[in-house]
Structure formats: structure tokens, C-alpha cells
C-alpha atoms as a PDB file:
ATOM      1  CA  UNK A   1      14.426  28.440  18.548  1.00  0.00           C
ATOM      2  CA  UNK A   2      17.763  30.127  18.145  1.00  0.00           C
ATOM      3  CA  UNK A   3      20.583  30.143  20.671  1.00  0.00           C
ATOM      4  CA  UNK A   4      19.695  33.727  21.637  1.00  0.00           C
ATOM      5  CA  UNK A   5      15.992  32.912  22.065  1.00  0.00           C
ATOM      6  CA  UNK A   6      16.778  29.860  24.189  1.00  0.00           C
ATOM      7  CA  UNK A   7      19.237  31.840  26.308  1.00  0.00           C
ATOM      8  CA  UNK A   8      16.742  34.674  26.793  1.00  0.00           C
ATOM      9  CA  UNK A   9      14.006  32.220  27.801  1.00  0.00           C
ATOM     10  CA  UNK A  10      16.303  30.462  30.271  1.00  0.00           C
ATOM     11  CA  UNK A  11      17.622  33.651  31.875  1.00  0.00           C
ATOM     12  CA  UNK A  12      14.083  34.959  32.342  1.00  0.00           C
ATOM     13  CA  UNK A  13      12.997  31.681  33.971  1.00  0.00           C
ATOM     14  CA  UNK A  14      15.471  31.297  36.810  1.00  0.00           C
ATOM     15  CA  UNK A  15      18.528  30.048  34.936  1.00  0.00           C
ATOM     16  CA  UNK A  16      21.770  31.975  35.309  1.00  0.00           C
ATOM     17  CA  UNK A  17      25.169  32.156  33.682  1.00  0.00           C
ATOM     18  CA  UNK A  18      27.613  30.187  35.801  1.00  0.00           C
ATOM     19  CA  UNK A  19      31.014  28.959  34.677  1.00  0.00           C
ATOM     20  CA  UNK A  20      30.306  29.904  31.078  1.00  0.00           C
ATOM     21  CA  UNK A  21      27.082  27.871  30.898  1.00  0.00           C
ATOM     22  CA  UNK A  22      23.406  28.689  31.364  1.00  0.00           C
ATOM     23  CA  UNK A  23      22.681  26.756  34.573  1.00  0.00           C
ATOM     24  CA  UNK A  24      20.265  25.993  37.366  1.00  0.00           C
ATOM     25  CA  UNK A  25      21.807  25.783  40.813  1.00  0.00           C
ATOM     26  CA  UNK A  26      21.071  23.762  43.921  1.00  0.00           C
ATOM     27  CA  UNK A  27      18.788  25.699  46.277  1.00  0.00           C
ATOM     28  CA  UNK A  28      21.057  24.834  49.203  1.00  0.00           C
ATOM     29  CA  UNK A  29      24.293  25.633  47.325  1.00  0.00           C
ATOM     30  CA  UNK A  30      23.658  28.583  45.004  1.00  0.00           C
ATOM     31  CA  UNK A  31      27.218  28.491  43.692  1.00  0.00           C
ATOM     32  CA  UNK A  32      26.939  24.895  42.450  1.00  0.00           C
ATOM     33  CA  UNK A  33      25.199  24.129  39.151  1.00  0.00           C
ATOM     34  CA  UNK A  34      23.015  21.013  38.972  1.00  0.00           C
ATOM     35  CA  UNK A  35      21.554  21.380  35.443  1.00  0.00           C
ATOM     36  CA  UNK A  36      23.163  23.207  32.536  1.00  0.00           C
ATOM     37  CA  UNK A  37      22.761  23.950  28.866  1.00  0.00           C
ATOM     38  CA  UNK A  38      25.888  23.634  26.773  1.00  0.00           C
ATOM     39  CA  UNK A  39      25.634  25.636  23.555  1.00  0.00           C
ATOM     40  CA  UNK A  40      27.570  24.368  20.551  1.00  0.00           C
ATOM     41  CA  UNK A  41      27.571  25.867  17.062  1.00  0.00           C
ATOM     42  CA  UNK A  42      24.414  24.140  15.838  1.00  0.00           C
ATOM     43  CA  UNK A  43      23.171  22.171  18.861  1.00  0.00           C
ATOM     44  CA  UNK A  44      22.418  22.583  22.529  1.00  0.00           C
ATOM     45  CA  UNK A  45      23.076  19.870  25.110  1.00  0.00           C
ATOM     46  CA  UNK A  46      21.112  19.528  28.313  1.00  0.00           C
ATOM     47  CA  UNK A  47      23.258  18.041  31.074  1.00  0.00           C
ATOM     48  CA  UNK A  48      22.595  17.112  34.688  1.00  0.00           C
ATOM     49  CA  UNK A  49      25.216  16.665  37.382  1.00  0.00           C
ATOM     50  CA  UNK A  50      25.399  13.263  39.004  1.00  0.00           C
ATOM     51  CA  UNK A  51      26.155  12.969  42.737  1.00  0.00           C
ATOM     52  CA  UNK A  52      29.710  11.953  41.782  1.00  0.00           C
ATOM     53  CA  UNK A  53      30.153  15.391  40.191  1.00  0.00           C
ATOM     54  CA  UNK A  54      30.264  14.081  36.629  1.00  0.00           C
ATOM     55  CA  UNK A  55      28.028  15.740  34.035  1.00  0.00           C
ATOM     56  CA  UNK A  56      25.603  13.368  32.301  1.00  0.00           C
ATOM     57  CA  UNK A  57      24.089  14.379  28.954  1.00  0.00           C
ATOM     58  CA  UNK A  58      20.288  14.164  29.027  1.00  0.00           C
ATOM     59  CA  UNK A  59      19.784  15.164  25.403  1.00  0.00           C
ATOM     60  CA  UNK A  60      21.427  17.003  22.538  1.00  0.00           C
ATOM     61  CA  UNK A  61      19.337  18.648  19.845  1.00  0.00           C
ATOM     62  CA  UNK A  62      19.840  21.071  16.987  1.00  0.00           C
ATOM     63  CA  UNK A  63      18.400  24.535  17.482  1.00  0.00           C
ATOM     64  CA  UNK A  64      16.038  24.214  14.501  1.00  0.00           C
ATOM     65  CA  UNK A  65      14.272  21.220  16.133  1.00  0.00           C
ATOM     66  CA  UNK A  66      13.569  23.042  19.399  1.00  0.00           C
ATOM     67  CA  UNK A  67      10.198  24.802  19.511  1.00  0.00           C
ATOM     68  CA  UNK A  68       8.568  26.838  22.239  1.00  0.00           C
ATOM     69  CA  UNK A  69       5.380  25.341  23.710  1.00  0.00           C
ATOM     70  CA  UNK A  70       3.090  28.181  24.802  1.00  0.00           C
ATOM     71  CA  UNK A  71       0.902  25.873  26.893  1.00  0.00           C
ATOM     72  CA  UNK A  72       3.748  24.376  28.931  1.00  0.00           C
ATOM     73  CA  UNK A  73       5.826  27.572  28.747  1.00  0.00           C
ATOM     74  CA  UNK A  74       8.884  25.407  27.976  1.00  0.00           C
ATOM     75  CA  UNK A  75      10.985  24.778  24.901  1.00  0.00           C
ATOM     76  CA  UNK A  76      10.181  21.311  23.532  1.00  0.00           C
ATOM     77  CA  UNK A  77      12.731  18.978  22.001  1.00  0.00           C
ATOM     78  CA  UNK A  78      15.663  19.436  24.365  1.00  0.00           C
ATOM     79  CA  UNK A  79      14.569  17.074  27.134  1.00  0.00           C
ATOM     80  CA  UNK A  80      13.488  19.566  29.790  1.00  0.00           C
ATOM     81  CA  UNK A  81      10.385  17.507  30.523  1.00  0.00           C
ATOM     82  CA  UNK A  82      12.462  14.392  31.293  1.00  0.00           C
ATOM     83  CA  UNK A  83      14.003  15.906  34.438  1.00  0.00           C
ATOM     84  CA  UNK A  84      11.675  15.414  37.391  1.00  0.00           C
ATOM     85  CA  UNK A  85      11.279  18.489  39.536  1.00  0.00           C
ATOM     86  CA  UNK A  86      12.699  20.831  36.877  1.00  0.00           C
ATOM     87  CA  UNK A  87       9.778  23.252  37.045  1.00  0.00           C
ATOM     88  CA  UNK A  88      10.133  23.472  40.832  1.00  0.00           C
ATOM     89  CA  UNK A  89      13.907  23.939  40.553  1.00  0.00           C
ATOM     90  CA  UNK A  90      13.427  26.714  37.991  1.00  0.00           C
ATOM     91  CA  UNK A  91      10.905  28.448  40.275  1.00  0.00           C
ATOM     92  CA  UNK A  92      13.217  28.144  43.300  1.00  0.00           C
ATOM     93  CA  UNK A  93      16.067  29.658  41.277  1.00  0.00           C
ATOM     94  CA  UNK A  94      13.833  32.417  39.908  1.00  0.00           C
ATOM     95  CA  UNK A  95      12.599  33.300  43.419  1.00  0.00           C
ATOM     96  CA  UNK A  96      16.131  33.289  44.859  1.00  0.00           C
ATOM     97  CA  UNK A  97      17.354  35.606  42.093  1.00  0.00           C
ATOM     98  CA  UNK A  98      14.399  37.952  42.576  1.00  0.00           C
ATOM     99  CA  UNK A  99      14.846  38.158  46.343  1.00  0.00           C
ATOM    100  CA  UNK A 100      18.605  38.655  46.005  1.00  0.00           C
ATOM    101  CA  UNK A 101      17.878  41.864  44.081  1.00  0.00           C
ATOM    102  CA  UNK A 102      15.999  43.204  47.110  1.00  0.00           C
ATOM    103  CA  UNK A 103      18.800  42.354  49.533  1.00  0.00           C
ATOM    104  CA  UNK A 104      21.552  43.598  47.232  1.00  0.00           C
ATOM    105  CA  UNK A 105      23.191  40.164  46.969  1.00  0.00           C
ATOM    106  CA  UNK A 106      23.747  38.354  43.669  1.00  0.00           C
END
């Protein structure tokens, strides 16, 4: 996958741009990112925020080693499957973004 393909997938699946990164936010604090993708020139890093507020790198992988899995509907190779509850968090974020469009809030 390319950076643009990965970004497009993420933004269509509940991720949002926050602080210059593609991020998932806490359901209870929609202004605070909990998971983010950090795009470098040739690699993408998946990071998760620890309770202390420090970002912990889950995995870093080059774009050419990341492939989209049609069955799981997730990019494989970046470590998305290693974060428990990620699918639920993505759905919560996607729902919140969809409902915010109806209420006029972002």
C-alpha cells in the first residue's frame, strides 16, 4: 500500500487527522488521540499512547510490505491486529464522526 492508500483507508474507517497525524481518539475524550499512524518518507509507524502520555511504537514497516487483506478489511503488516479492541475503537470513532455530521459538530 502507498501512503495515500493507507491514509484513505484510515480516514474512511473512523480515523481522523489530529495534530498532524492520522489518529483514533478516546470515545470519552474525542480531542485526545490514543492510537496514531506516523508517516515517514518510506515507512509508517503505528503508535499507542500509554497512560503516562508517552507514545509507544507498536510497529514500523515500509509501505511496500503493507498489503490490504480483503477478508479482514485491514491492512496487514503494520501491527493493527496486535492492538486489542482496535476494531471496536475504529467503529466507535466512525460512528461518532458520522453522527457529528448530523448534529453539525465536528
